[in-house]
Structure formats: structure tokens, C-alpha cells
Protein backbone atom coordinates (compact mmCIF):
# COMPACT_ATOMS: atom_id res chain seq x y z
CA MET A 1 -7.18 11.11 16.58
CA ALA A 2 -5.88 8.35 14.11
CA LEU A 3 -4.42 8.98 10.57
CA LEU A 4 -7.04 6.82 8.98
CA GLU A 5 -9.75 5.30 10.88
CA VAL A 6 -11.39 3.24 9.14
CA ASP A 7 -15.16 2.05 10.77
CA GLY A 8 -17.43 -0.56 9.78
CA LEU A 9 -16.91 -0.97 6.04
CA VAL A 10 -18.75 -2.44 3.70
CA ALA A 11 -18.08 -2.99 0.55
CA ARG A 12 -19.54 -5.14 -2.64
CA TYR A 13 -18.96 -7.00 -6.02
CA GLY A 14 -22.72 -7.23 -7.19
CA ARG A 15 -24.10 -9.80 -4.31
CA ILE A 16 -20.85 -10.89 -3.14
CA THR A 17 -20.09 -9.18 0.02
CA ALA A 18 -16.74 -8.79 0.47
CA LEU A 19 -15.84 -6.88 2.93
CA GLN A 20 -18.31 -7.42 5.91
CA GLY A 21 -17.74 -4.23 8.31
CA ILE A 22 -14.33 -3.92 8.67
CA SER A 23 -12.70 -1.34 11.02
CA LEU A 24 -9.08 -0.57 11.41
CA THR A 25 -6.81 2.54 12.48
CA ILE A 26 -3.11 3.76 11.06
CA GLU A 27 -1.51 6.15 13.57
CA ALA A 28 0.74 9.02 11.99
CA GLY A 29 4.44 7.43 10.39
CA GLU A 30 2.85 4.03 11.53
CA ILE A 31 3.54 0.72 9.28
CA VAL A 32 0.59 -1.34 9.66
CA THR A 33 0.05 -5.11 7.85
CA LEU A 34 -3.15 -6.86 6.33
CA LEU A 35 -2.33 -10.62 6.96
CA GLY A 36 -5.03 -12.92 5.15
CA ALA A 37 -5.75 -15.72 2.43
CA ASN A 38 -6.62 -15.28 -1.26
CA GLY A 39 -10.15 -13.81 -1.26
CA ALA A 40 -9.86 -12.46 2.09
CA GLY A 41 -10.67 -8.74 1.52
CA LYS A 42 -7.16 -7.37 1.61
CA THR A 43 -7.48 -5.80 -1.65
CA THR A 44 -10.97 -4.84 -1.91
CA THR A 45 -9.90 -2.85 1.59
CA LEU A 46 -7.17 -0.70 -0.16
CA ARG A 47 -9.42 -0.50 -2.97
CA THR A 48 -12.31 1.03 -0.82
CA ILE A 49 -10.18 3.56 1.09
CA SER A 50 -8.40 4.74 -1.76
CA GLY A 51 -11.78 5.60 -3.63
CA LEU A 52 -11.49 2.79 -6.77
CA MET A 53 -14.07 0.99 -5.48
CA SER A 54 -17.16 1.98 -3.74
CA SER A 55 -18.18 1.32 0.00
CA ALA A 56 -21.88 -0.25 0.84
CA ALA A 57 -21.56 0.78 4.11
CA GLY A 58 -19.38 2.35 6.92
CA ARG A 59 -17.12 5.74 7.19
CA VAL A 60 -13.71 6.03 6.06
CA ARG A 61 -12.11 9.31 8.16
CA PHE A 62 -8.46 10.67 6.93
CA ASP A 63 -7.08 13.19 9.58
CA GLY A 64 -10.60 13.71 11.49
CA VAL A 65 -12.10 14.73 7.53
CA ASP A 66 -14.70 11.96 6.08
CA ILE A 67 -13.27 10.71 2.71
CA THR A 68 -16.16 8.06 2.15
CA LYS A 69 -17.44 9.04 -0.77
CA LEU A 70 -15.30 11.05 -2.45
CA PRO A 71 -13.91 10.35 -5.52
CA ALA A 72 -10.21 8.76 -6.06
CA GLU A 73 -8.50 12.30 -7.30
CA ARG A 74 -9.84 13.61 -4.21
CA ILE A 75 -8.22 11.33 -2.33
CA VAL A 76 -5.02 11.43 -4.18
CA ARG A 77 -5.05 14.67 -3.30
CA ALA A 78 -6.33 14.67 0.38
CA GLY A 79 -2.69 12.96 1.31
CA ILE A 80 -3.43 9.01 0.54
CA GLY A 81 -1.31 7.33 -2.46
CA HIS A 82 -1.61 3.68 -3.65
CA ALA A 83 0.83 1.38 -5.19
CA PRO A 84 -1.89 -1.45 -6.89
CA GLU A 85 -1.41 -4.94 -6.61
CA GLY A 86 -0.19 -6.01 -9.82
CA ARG A 87 2.36 -3.13 -10.70
CA ARG A 88 -0.28 -1.39 -13.01
CA VAL A 89 2.39 1.20 -14.54
CA PHE A 90 1.58 2.66 -18.19
CA PRO A 91 3.98 0.33 -20.33
CA ARG A 92 4.04 2.52 -23.24
CA MET A 93 4.95 5.50 -20.76
CA THR A 94 8.58 6.10 -20.29
CA VAL A 95 9.96 5.74 -16.31
CA ARG A 96 9.92 9.38 -16.40
CA GLU A 97 6.62 10.07 -17.46
CA ASN A 98 5.24 7.56 -14.77
CA LEU A 99 6.76 9.22 -12.38
CA PHE A 100 5.47 12.42 -13.42
CA LEU A 101 2.34 11.27 -13.72
CA GLY A 102 1.95 10.22 -10.26
CA ALA A 103 2.89 14.42 -9.38
CA TYR A 104 -0.65 15.29 -11.54
CA THR A 105 -2.12 16.54 -8.55
CA ARG A 106 0.92 18.84 -8.06
CA SER A 107 2.22 22.20 -9.00
CA GLY A 108 5.71 23.05 -7.52
CA LYS A 109 8.15 22.18 -10.62
CA ARG A 110 11.30 22.37 -8.32
CA GLU A 111 9.71 20.20 -5.77
CA ILE A 112 8.26 18.22 -8.26
CA ALA A 113 12.27 17.99 -9.33
CA ASP A 114 13.37 17.39 -5.79
CA ASP A 115 11.12 14.46 -5.30
CA THR A 116 12.27 12.71 -8.35
CA GLU A 117 15.65 12.90 -7.75
CA ARG A 118 14.70 11.18 -3.93
CA ILE A 119 12.82 8.39 -5.68
CA LEU A 120 16.12 8.00 -8.36
CA THR A 121 18.56 7.93 -5.39
CA THR A 122 16.00 5.14 -3.88
CA PHE A 123 15.87 3.55 -6.59
CA PRO A 124 19.30 3.73 -8.91
CA ARG A 125 17.50 1.02 -11.89
CA LEU A 126 15.03 3.42 -12.22
CA ARG A 127 17.64 6.25 -12.81
CA GLU A 128 19.35 3.98 -15.39
CA ARG A 129 16.18 3.22 -17.37
CA LEU A 130 14.30 6.61 -17.28
CA ASP A 131 13.70 7.20 -20.76
CA GLN A 132 12.67 3.41 -21.56
CA ARG A 133 8.94 2.49 -21.58
CA ALA A 134 7.68 0.79 -18.76
CA ALA A 135 7.05 -2.42 -20.59
CA THR A 136 10.23 -2.91 -21.01
CA LEU A 137 11.34 -2.94 -17.41
CA SER A 138 11.41 -6.33 -15.01
CA GLY A 139 9.05 -7.10 -12.77
CA GLY A 140 11.12 -5.65 -10.14
CA GLU A 141 11.28 -2.82 -11.71
CA GLN A 142 8.32 -2.40 -12.05
CA GLN A 143 7.85 -2.61 -9.00
CA MET A 144 9.91 0.52 -7.71
CA LEU A 145 8.53 2.03 -10.60
CA ALA A 146 4.93 1.74 -9.30
CA ILE A 147 5.80 3.01 -5.35
CA GLY A 148 7.95 5.80 -6.59
CA ARG A 149 4.84 7.07 -8.68
CA ALA A 150 2.73 6.77 -5.63
CA LEU A 151 5.35 8.80 -3.88
CA MET A 152 5.17 12.09 -6.00
CA SER A 153 1.52 12.47 -5.12
CA ARG A 154 3.81 13.15 -1.40
CA PRO A 155 1.15 10.87 0.22
CA ARG A 156 1.30 10.80 4.27
CA LEU A 157 -0.36 7.52 4.07
CA LEU A 158 0.76 5.07 0.92
CA LEU A 159 -1.16 1.53 0.51
CA LEU A 160 0.81 -1.01 -0.95
CA ASP A 161 -0.64 -4.46 -2.57
CA GLU A 162 1.68 -7.20 -2.89
CA PRO A 163 5.14 -5.06 -2.94
CA SER A 164 7.10 -8.54 -3.19
CA LEU A 165 5.25 -10.52 -5.34
CA GLY A 166 6.74 -12.26 -7.86
CA LEU A 167 9.97 -10.99 -7.44
CA ALA A 168 13.38 -12.59 -6.30
CA PRO A 169 14.98 -12.48 -2.66
CA LEU A 170 17.25 -9.91 -3.06
CA LEU A 171 14.71 -7.22 -4.78
CA ILE A 172 12.41 -8.59 -1.99
CA GLN A 173 14.87 -7.25 0.46
CA THR A 174 15.52 -4.12 -1.01
CA ILE A 175 11.70 -3.55 -1.24
CA PHE A 176 11.09 -3.50 2.31
CA GLU A 177 14.15 -1.78 3.19
CA VAL A 178 12.58 1.16 0.77
CA ILE A 179 9.23 0.45 3.40
CA ALA A 180 11.04 1.14 6.42
CA ASP A 181 12.83 4.11 4.78
CA ILE A 182 9.77 5.32 4.24
CA ARG A 183 8.21 5.05 7.69
CA ILE A 184 10.99 6.89 8.62
CA ARG A 185 10.61 9.78 6.42
CA GLY A 186 7.12 9.71 8.22
CA THR A 187 4.69 8.72 5.30
CA ALA A 188 2.70 5.99 6.96
CA VAL A 189 2.00 2.79 5.08
CA LEU A 190 -1.05 0.25 4.74
CA LEU A 191 0.61 -3.29 3.81
CA VAL A 192 -1.12 -6.01 1.98
CA GLU A 193 1.84 -8.34 1.98
CA GLN A 194 1.31 -12.58 1.61
CA ASN A 195 5.27 -12.82 2.98
CA ALA A 196 3.41 -12.61 6.24
CA ARG A 197 7.08 -12.86 7.85
CA ALA A 198 8.03 -9.91 6.26
CA ALA A 199 5.71 -7.92 6.69
CA LEU A 200 5.43 -8.35 10.47
CA ALA A 201 9.29 -7.72 10.76
CA VAL A 202 8.73 -4.37 9.31
CA ALA A 203 5.34 -3.23 10.91
CA SER A 204 4.40 -2.49 13.98
CA ARG A 205 0.96 -3.46 14.11
CA GLY A 206 -1.38 -6.27 11.91
CA TYR A 207 -4.85 -7.35 11.14
CA VAL A 208 -5.71 -11.08 10.18
CA LEU A 209 -8.57 -10.82 7.71
CA GLU A 210 -10.65 -13.98 6.65
CA LEU A 211 -13.88 -13.88 4.64
CA GLY A 212 -14.10 -10.10 4.65
CA ARG A 213 -13.96 -9.35 8.40
CA ILE A 214 -10.87 -8.74 10.75
CA ALA A 215 -10.67 -12.36 12.39
CA LEU A 216 -7.41 -11.38 15.10
CA ALA A 217 -5.63 -7.69 15.62
CA GLY A 218 -2.15 -7.39 17.71
CA THR A 219 1.52 -5.94 17.60
CA SER A 220 3.59 -7.71 15.14
CA ALA A 221 5.18 -9.46 17.87
CA ASP A 222 2.02 -10.85 19.25
CA LEU A 223 1.21 -12.21 15.75
CA LEU A 224 4.38 -13.76 15.01
CA ALA A 225 4.08 -15.28 18.50
CA ASN A 226 0.81 -16.51 17.53
CA ASP A 227 0.20 -20.30 17.08
CA ALA A 228 -2.85 -19.98 14.51
CA VAL A 229 -1.11 -17.33 12.48
CA ALA A 230 1.83 -19.02 12.24
CA ALA A 231 0.46 -22.20 11.21
CA ALA A 232 -1.81 -20.41 8.47
CA TYR A 233 1.47 -17.84 7.13
CA LEU A 234 4.45 -18.24 8.46
CA GLY A 235 5.05 -22.15 7.69
CA GLY A 236 4.56 -23.60 11.37
CA ALA A 237 4.10 -23.28 14.68
CA ALA A 238 5.54 -20.08 16.57
């Protein structure tokens, strides 16, 4: 049994059908990437899995349990974290407060303190800015905070939406190193990322979305070697 099973997922914005029967799986401790052009349905897929958007049809199962109709808070408690597109940190709250808010479903003070220390070790810049308001952070620092906040819920699956968007190359490298480390620590990752080459380098498998449907699926090696994927997302033929 896969950790996450998405079966025939349909989602709509009014009369517009954004997802037209998406099906995918993620195994425990696996990184899977979603590729596709803007508007293909990648962000909608993550938002529907995490309960931020209601599905019109289909099912989402997590660890064998149907979570399709659960509210977002219950889905977080079930073990799914979400670092959304655009970071969405709370600008008037400090770094420390943002991190603690990520642990709102938890009660063990010692474990929360241990996880906070682990995140600050992973992202030393956040330690230096613990008492700064999130609005004063750079884009890269806000992305670190968004990922750290999501990890504070101790998810078994982390949904990451465009973690490298707008970042300098050195920070992009850091973010992908952290994503690889997250997997090593046992957390599965569903990654939406425009930097297809970097995403496929860190993921074991991928799905290519087109207009709300899965057009292609395979191992990262297979997708990297696919001429159509190379032409559309990798800047040339494989």
C-alpha cells in the first residue's frame, strides 16, 4: 500500500475544471515531482490533497485512510504538511512565532523544542533572525521559514510548491540539499517545481501534467531521457 494514493481526482474553479481525473501514488520516504506548464494543475493538485480546496470527484487516501473530505486541519493532524506557493508566511509575526504556529497540532513541548532546534540547525539564517518579523526577511529566508514551519507539524508527507521560485542559484542549491535531507530523515515529498532538471535530480519519479491531466509518468531517469520532456522543460533535446 502506497503512503498516498490519489485516484481520479477532479477539482473545479467555478465552471472551469482544473483537474480532470488525476491519479498518482507516493511511497513512504519517496520524493515525487509534478512537472508541467503554468496552469497545468500542479498547485491545484497540492491544494486539493491538503484540503485547502474541495474535490468534485475522486479520492485521496493517506496511509490507507480516505481523507478526501477532511478539513485542512485534520489532514495536517493525519501527517501531511504543506509549504505553499508564494511562501505565505505570516508577515507581522516573528520567525519564532511562525515556526511555533506550524506545531499548533502538537502538545509535547520538549519535542517541539527539539524540532525547532533541528530546523534552526538546517537553516542557520533563521536562527539569526528568530525575533525578526517575517516581513523583513529576504525571499530566500521566507522560503526557508515556510519549509521549516511545515516541518514543525512532523509530517510524514510534505507538499512543496515551487520552493526555488525567485531565489538566487546558491540558495536554490541549498533548498534542494534540504529536500534531499528531508527524504533521508524519512519524510516523503511531493514536489512542484519549475526547475525541472533540479527536481528530477532529487526525485525518484515524476508526473507530467497537461491541462489537468497526467500526460506522462515515469522514473526520473526515464523523464530526463524523454525528448518531449527535454524540449518542453529542460531547454532542449535529451
